[in-house]
């Protein structure tokens, strides 16, 4: 699988960037913040579905997760109740959306 180059945690979930820019997340997922297309808690690491590029960093917010991609694009998923994704909506999602 390759070693982790960066890790981040917030509340009940954690995420890691692995060598080669791959991603993994695990833990609480009630708002879809693991990005695996579900709201199911994961006790083992899963990949984010639909990230459009190589991940260089990840961070967790209150119910959301953010990924910085190698081309400088920022994507977010999970709870967006107060517009934290920056996409002009308050729509939460279990899949990444571009931060605009």
N, C-alpha and C. Protein backbone atom coordinates (compact mmCIF):
# COMPACT_ATOMS: atom_id res chain seq x y z
N UNK A 1 0.84 -1.20 0.00
CA UNK A 1 0.00 0.00 0.00
C UNK A 1 0.87 1.24 0.00
N UNK A 2 2.05 1.21 0.53
CA UNK A 2 2.88 2.42 0.58
C UNK A 2 2.72 3.13 1.90
N UNK A 3 3.75 3.84 2.30
CA UNK A 3 3.72 4.55 3.56
C UNK A 3 2.98 5.86 3.49
N UNK A 4 2.58 6.35 4.65
CA UNK A 4 1.91 7.64 4.74
C UNK A 4 2.94 8.76 4.71
N UNK A 5 2.61 9.83 4.00
CA UNK A 5 3.48 11.00 3.97
C UNK A 5 2.89 12.14 4.80
N UNK A 6 1.58 12.12 5.02
CA UNK A 6 0.89 13.12 5.83
C UNK A 6 -0.34 12.48 6.45
N UNK A 7 -0.68 12.92 7.66
CA UNK A 7 -1.90 12.46 8.32
C UNK A 7 -2.62 13.65 8.94
N UNK A 8 -3.92 13.51 9.07
CA UNK A 8 -4.74 14.55 9.71
C UNK A 8 -5.89 13.86 10.42
N UNK A 9 -6.36 14.46 11.50
CA UNK A 9 -7.48 13.91 12.24
C UNK A 9 -8.34 15.04 12.77
N UNK A 10 -9.63 14.76 12.89
CA UNK A 10 -10.57 15.72 13.47
C UNK A 10 -11.69 14.92 14.09
N UNK A 11 -11.91 15.12 15.36
CA UNK A 11 -13.01 14.42 16.04
C UNK A 11 -12.87 12.92 15.96
N UNK A 12 -13.81 12.27 15.27
CA UNK A 12 -13.86 10.81 15.23
C UNK A 12 -13.39 10.22 13.90
N UNK A 13 -12.70 11.01 13.06
CA UNK A 13 -12.21 10.47 11.80
C UNK A 13 -10.78 10.92 11.55
N UNK A 14 -10.10 10.13 10.72
CA UNK A 14 -8.71 10.41 10.37
C UNK A 14 -8.53 10.22 8.87
N UNK A 15 -7.50 10.85 8.32
CA UNK A 15 -7.20 10.67 6.91
C UNK A 15 -5.69 10.72 6.72
N UNK A 16 -5.24 10.13 5.62
CA UNK A 16 -3.81 10.09 5.33
C UNK A 16 -3.58 10.24 3.84
N UNK A 17 -2.47 10.87 3.51
CA UNK A 17 -1.96 10.91 2.14
C UNK A 17 -0.83 9.89 2.10
N UNK A 18 -0.90 8.98 1.14
CA UNK A 18 0.10 7.93 1.01
C UNK A 18 1.12 8.30 -0.06
N UNK A 19 2.25 7.61 -0.07
CA UNK A 19 3.24 7.80 -1.12
C UNK A 19 2.55 7.68 -2.47
N UNK A 20 2.92 8.50 -3.41
CA UNK A 20 2.31 8.48 -4.73
C UNK A 20 1.04 9.30 -4.83
N UNK A 21 0.65 9.98 -3.75
CA UNK A 21 -0.51 10.86 -3.79
C UNK A 21 -1.85 10.19 -3.65
N UNK A 22 -1.84 8.97 -3.16
CA UNK A 22 -3.12 8.30 -2.90
C UNK A 22 -3.66 8.72 -1.55
N UNK A 23 -4.93 8.47 -1.29
CA UNK A 23 -5.57 8.92 -0.05
C UNK A 23 -6.26 7.77 0.65
N UNK A 24 -6.46 7.93 1.95
CA UNK A 24 -7.23 6.98 2.75
C UNK A 24 -7.90 7.75 3.88
N UNK A 25 -9.08 7.26 4.29
CA UNK A 25 -9.77 7.84 5.43
C UNK A 25 -10.47 6.74 6.21
N UNK A 26 -10.70 6.98 7.50
CA UNK A 26 -11.37 6.00 8.33
C UNK A 26 -11.98 6.69 9.55
N UNK A 27 -12.96 6.00 10.16
CA UNK A 27 -13.61 6.53 11.35
C UNK A 27 -15.05 6.95 11.08
N UNK A 28 -15.52 7.95 11.84
CA UNK A 28 -16.89 8.43 11.72
C UNK A 28 -17.17 9.00 10.34
N UNK A 29 -18.39 8.79 9.86
CA UNK A 29 -18.73 9.17 8.50
C UNK A 29 -20.19 9.57 8.37
N UNK A 30 -20.82 10.04 9.46
CA UNK A 30 -22.26 10.31 9.43
C UNK A 30 -22.64 11.41 8.44
N UNK A 31 -21.73 12.30 8.09
CA UNK A 31 -22.01 13.35 7.11
C UNK A 31 -21.35 13.07 5.76
N UNK A 32 -20.74 11.89 5.61
CA UNK A 32 -20.07 11.56 4.36
C UNK A 32 -18.66 12.10 4.24
N UNK A 33 -18.04 12.46 5.35
CA UNK A 33 -16.73 13.12 5.33
C UNK A 33 -15.58 12.19 4.94
N UNK A 34 -15.83 10.89 4.79
CA UNK A 34 -14.77 10.01 4.29
C UNK A 34 -14.71 10.01 2.77
N UNK A 35 -15.77 10.48 2.12
CA UNK A 35 -15.76 10.62 0.67
C UNK A 35 -15.85 9.32 -0.10
N UNK A 36 -16.30 8.27 0.56
CA UNK A 36 -16.40 6.98 -0.14
C UNK A 36 -17.78 6.73 -0.72
N UNK A 37 -18.61 7.77 -0.77
CA UNK A 37 -19.95 7.66 -1.35
C UNK A 37 -21.00 7.15 -0.38
N UNK A 38 -20.63 6.98 0.89
CA UNK A 38 -21.58 6.48 1.89
C UNK A 38 -21.55 7.38 3.13
N UNK A 39 -22.38 7.04 4.08
CA UNK A 39 -22.37 7.66 5.40
C UNK A 39 -22.18 6.58 6.46
N UNK A 40 -21.42 5.56 6.10
CA UNK A 40 -21.17 4.41 6.96
C UNK A 40 -19.82 4.57 7.65
N UNK A 41 -19.80 4.38 8.98
CA UNK A 41 -18.53 4.41 9.71
C UNK A 41 -17.61 3.33 9.16
N UNK A 42 -16.34 3.67 9.02
CA UNK A 42 -15.35 2.72 8.50
C UNK A 42 -14.26 2.50 9.55
N UNK A 43 -14.07 1.25 9.95
CA UNK A 43 -13.04 0.91 10.92
C UNK A 43 -11.72 0.56 10.25
N UNK A 44 -11.72 0.46 8.94
CA UNK A 44 -10.52 0.24 8.14
C UNK A 44 -10.45 1.34 7.08
N UNK A 45 -9.27 1.73 6.63
CA UNK A 45 -9.13 2.82 5.66
C UNK A 45 -9.83 2.53 4.33
N UNK A 46 -10.45 3.59 3.78
CA UNK A 46 -11.08 3.54 2.46
C UNK A 46 -10.56 4.71 1.64
N UNK A 47 -10.70 4.59 0.32
CA UNK A 47 -10.28 5.65 -0.59
C UNK A 47 -11.43 6.61 -0.86
N UNK A 48 -11.10 7.87 -1.07
CA UNK A 48 -12.07 8.86 -1.51
C UNK A 48 -12.42 8.55 -2.96
N UNK A 49 -13.71 8.57 -3.27
CA UNK A 49 -14.16 8.28 -4.62
C UNK A 49 -14.27 9.55 -5.45
N UNK A 50 -13.58 9.62 -6.58
CA UNK A 50 -13.76 10.72 -7.51
C UNK A 50 -12.83 11.90 -7.36
N UNK A 51 -11.76 11.78 -6.58
CA UNK A 51 -10.80 12.87 -6.53
C UNK A 51 -10.13 12.98 -7.89
N UNK A 52 -10.03 14.19 -8.41
CA UNK A 52 -9.53 14.42 -9.76
C UNK A 52 -8.06 14.81 -9.75
N UNK A 53 -7.18 13.93 -9.25
CA UNK A 53 -5.77 14.24 -9.27
C UNK A 53 -5.01 13.61 -8.12
N UNK A 54 -3.74 13.95 -8.04
CA UNK A 54 -2.84 13.46 -7.00
C UNK A 54 -3.01 14.30 -5.75
N UNK A 55 -3.21 13.66 -4.62
CA UNK A 55 -3.41 14.36 -3.35
C UNK A 55 -2.05 14.73 -2.75
N UNK A 56 -1.91 16.00 -2.35
CA UNK A 56 -0.68 16.43 -1.68
C UNK A 56 -0.91 16.69 -0.20
N UNK A 57 -2.15 17.02 0.20
CA UNK A 57 -2.46 17.26 1.61
C UNK A 57 -3.96 17.07 1.83
N UNK A 58 -4.32 16.70 3.06
CA UNK A 58 -5.72 16.57 3.46
C UNK A 58 -5.90 17.21 4.82
N UNK A 59 -7.11 17.71 5.07
CA UNK A 59 -7.42 18.30 6.37
C UNK A 59 -8.88 18.02 6.69
N UNK A 60 -9.18 17.93 7.97
CA UNK A 60 -10.55 17.71 8.40
C UNK A 60 -11.14 18.95 9.02
N UNK A 61 -12.39 19.22 8.70
CA UNK A 61 -13.14 20.30 9.32
C UNK A 61 -14.27 19.69 10.13
N UNK A 62 -15.17 20.51 10.60
CA UNK A 62 -16.32 20.04 11.39
C UNK A 62 -17.29 19.31 10.46
N UNK A 63 -17.12 17.99 10.34
CA UNK A 63 -18.00 17.18 9.50
C UNK A 63 -17.61 17.16 8.04
N UNK A 64 -16.51 17.79 7.66
CA UNK A 64 -16.07 17.83 6.27
C UNK A 64 -14.59 17.48 6.17
N UNK A 65 -14.17 17.13 4.97
CA UNK A 65 -12.77 16.86 4.69
C UNK A 65 -12.38 17.63 3.44
N UNK A 66 -11.14 18.08 3.39
CA UNK A 66 -10.62 18.87 2.27
C UNK A 66 -9.35 18.23 1.76
N UNK A 67 -9.15 18.23 0.44
CA UNK A 67 -7.92 17.70 -0.16
C UNK A 67 -7.33 18.74 -1.09
N UNK A 68 -6.04 18.94 -0.97
CA UNK A 68 -5.29 19.78 -1.90
C UNK A 68 -4.64 18.85 -2.90
N UNK A 69 -4.89 19.11 -4.19
CA UNK A 69 -4.36 18.26 -5.24
C UNK A 69 -3.08 18.86 -5.80
N UNK A 70 -2.31 18.04 -6.50
CA UNK A 70 -1.03 18.44 -7.04
C UNK A 70 -1.08 19.63 -7.98
N UNK A 71 -2.22 19.84 -8.63
CA UNK A 71 -2.35 20.98 -9.55
C UNK A 71 -2.86 22.24 -8.84
N UNK A 72 -2.96 22.19 -7.51
CA UNK A 72 -3.42 23.35 -6.75
C UNK A 72 -4.92 23.40 -6.52
N UNK A 73 -5.68 22.50 -7.13
CA UNK A 73 -7.13 22.46 -6.95
C UNK A 73 -7.45 21.95 -5.56
N UNK A 74 -8.43 22.56 -4.91
CA UNK A 74 -8.91 22.13 -3.61
C UNK A 74 -10.28 21.50 -3.79
N UNK A 75 -10.50 20.33 -3.20
CA UNK A 75 -11.80 19.69 -3.24
C UNK A 75 -12.26 19.41 -1.82
N UNK A 76 -13.59 19.37 -1.62
CA UNK A 76 -14.17 19.17 -0.29
C UNK A 76 -15.35 18.21 -0.39
N UNK A 77 -15.66 17.55 0.75
CA UNK A 77 -16.81 16.67 0.82
C UNK A 77 -17.22 16.50 2.28
N UNK A 78 -18.47 16.07 2.47
CA UNK A 78 -19.02 15.91 3.82
C UNK A 78 -20.05 16.99 4.11
N UNK A 79 -20.03 17.51 5.33
CA UNK A 79 -21.01 18.49 5.79
C UNK A 79 -20.68 19.89 5.26
N UNK A 80 -21.65 20.50 4.61
CA UNK A 80 -21.48 21.83 4.02
C UNK A 80 -22.60 22.76 4.48
N UNK A 81 -23.11 22.55 5.68
CA UNK A 81 -24.30 23.26 6.15
C UNK A 81 -24.14 24.78 6.17
N UNK A 82 -22.92 25.27 6.36
CA UNK A 82 -22.72 26.72 6.42
C UNK A 82 -21.90 27.24 5.25
N UNK A 83 -21.83 26.46 4.16
CA UNK A 83 -21.15 26.92 2.95
C UNK A 83 -19.64 26.82 2.98
N UNK A 84 -19.09 25.97 3.84
CA UNK A 84 -17.64 25.86 3.98
C UNK A 84 -16.90 25.33 2.77
N UNK A 85 -17.62 24.74 1.81
CA UNK A 85 -16.95 24.22 0.61
C UNK A 85 -16.54 25.35 -0.33
N UNK A 86 -17.18 26.50 -0.19
CA UNK A 86 -16.86 27.62 -1.08
C UNK A 86 -17.40 27.45 -2.49
N UNK A 87 -18.37 26.55 -2.65
CA UNK A 87 -18.93 26.32 -3.98
C UNK A 87 -20.24 27.08 -4.20
N UNK A 88 -20.58 27.99 -3.29
CA UNK A 88 -21.79 28.79 -3.43
C UNK A 88 -23.05 28.11 -2.95
N UNK A 89 -22.93 26.92 -2.33
CA UNK A 89 -24.10 26.20 -1.84
C UNK A 89 -23.93 25.84 -0.38
N UNK A 90 -24.97 25.28 0.19
CA UNK A 90 -24.89 24.66 1.52
C UNK A 90 -25.27 23.18 1.40
N UNK A 91 -25.02 22.61 0.23
CA UNK A 91 -25.35 21.22 -0.05
C UNK A 91 -24.23 20.31 0.41
N UNK A 92 -24.53 19.40 1.30
CA UNK A 92 -23.56 18.41 1.77
C UNK A 92 -23.46 17.29 0.74
N UNK A 93 -22.31 16.60 0.70
CA UNK A 93 -22.11 15.54 -0.29
C UNK A 93 -21.17 14.47 0.23
N UNK A 94 -21.33 13.26 -0.26
CA UNK A 94 -20.44 12.16 0.11
C UNK A 94 -19.32 11.98 -0.92
N UNK A 95 -19.25 12.88 -1.90
CA UNK A 95 -18.22 12.83 -2.94
C UNK A 95 -17.58 14.21 -3.09
N UNK A 96 -16.34 14.27 -3.52
CA UNK A 96 -15.63 15.55 -3.65
C UNK A 96 -16.28 16.53 -4.61
N UNK A 97 -16.26 17.80 -4.24
CA UNK A 97 -16.67 18.90 -5.14
C UNK A 97 -15.54 19.93 -5.15
N UNK A 98 -15.34 20.59 -6.28
CA UNK A 98 -14.27 21.60 -6.35
C UNK A 98 -14.57 22.80 -5.47
N UNK A 99 -13.58 23.27 -4.77
CA UNK A 99 -13.65 24.52 -4.03
C UNK A 99 -13.38 25.64 -5.02
N UNK A 100 -14.30 26.60 -5.09
CA UNK A 100 -14.15 27.65 -6.09
C UNK A 100 -13.85 28.98 -5.46
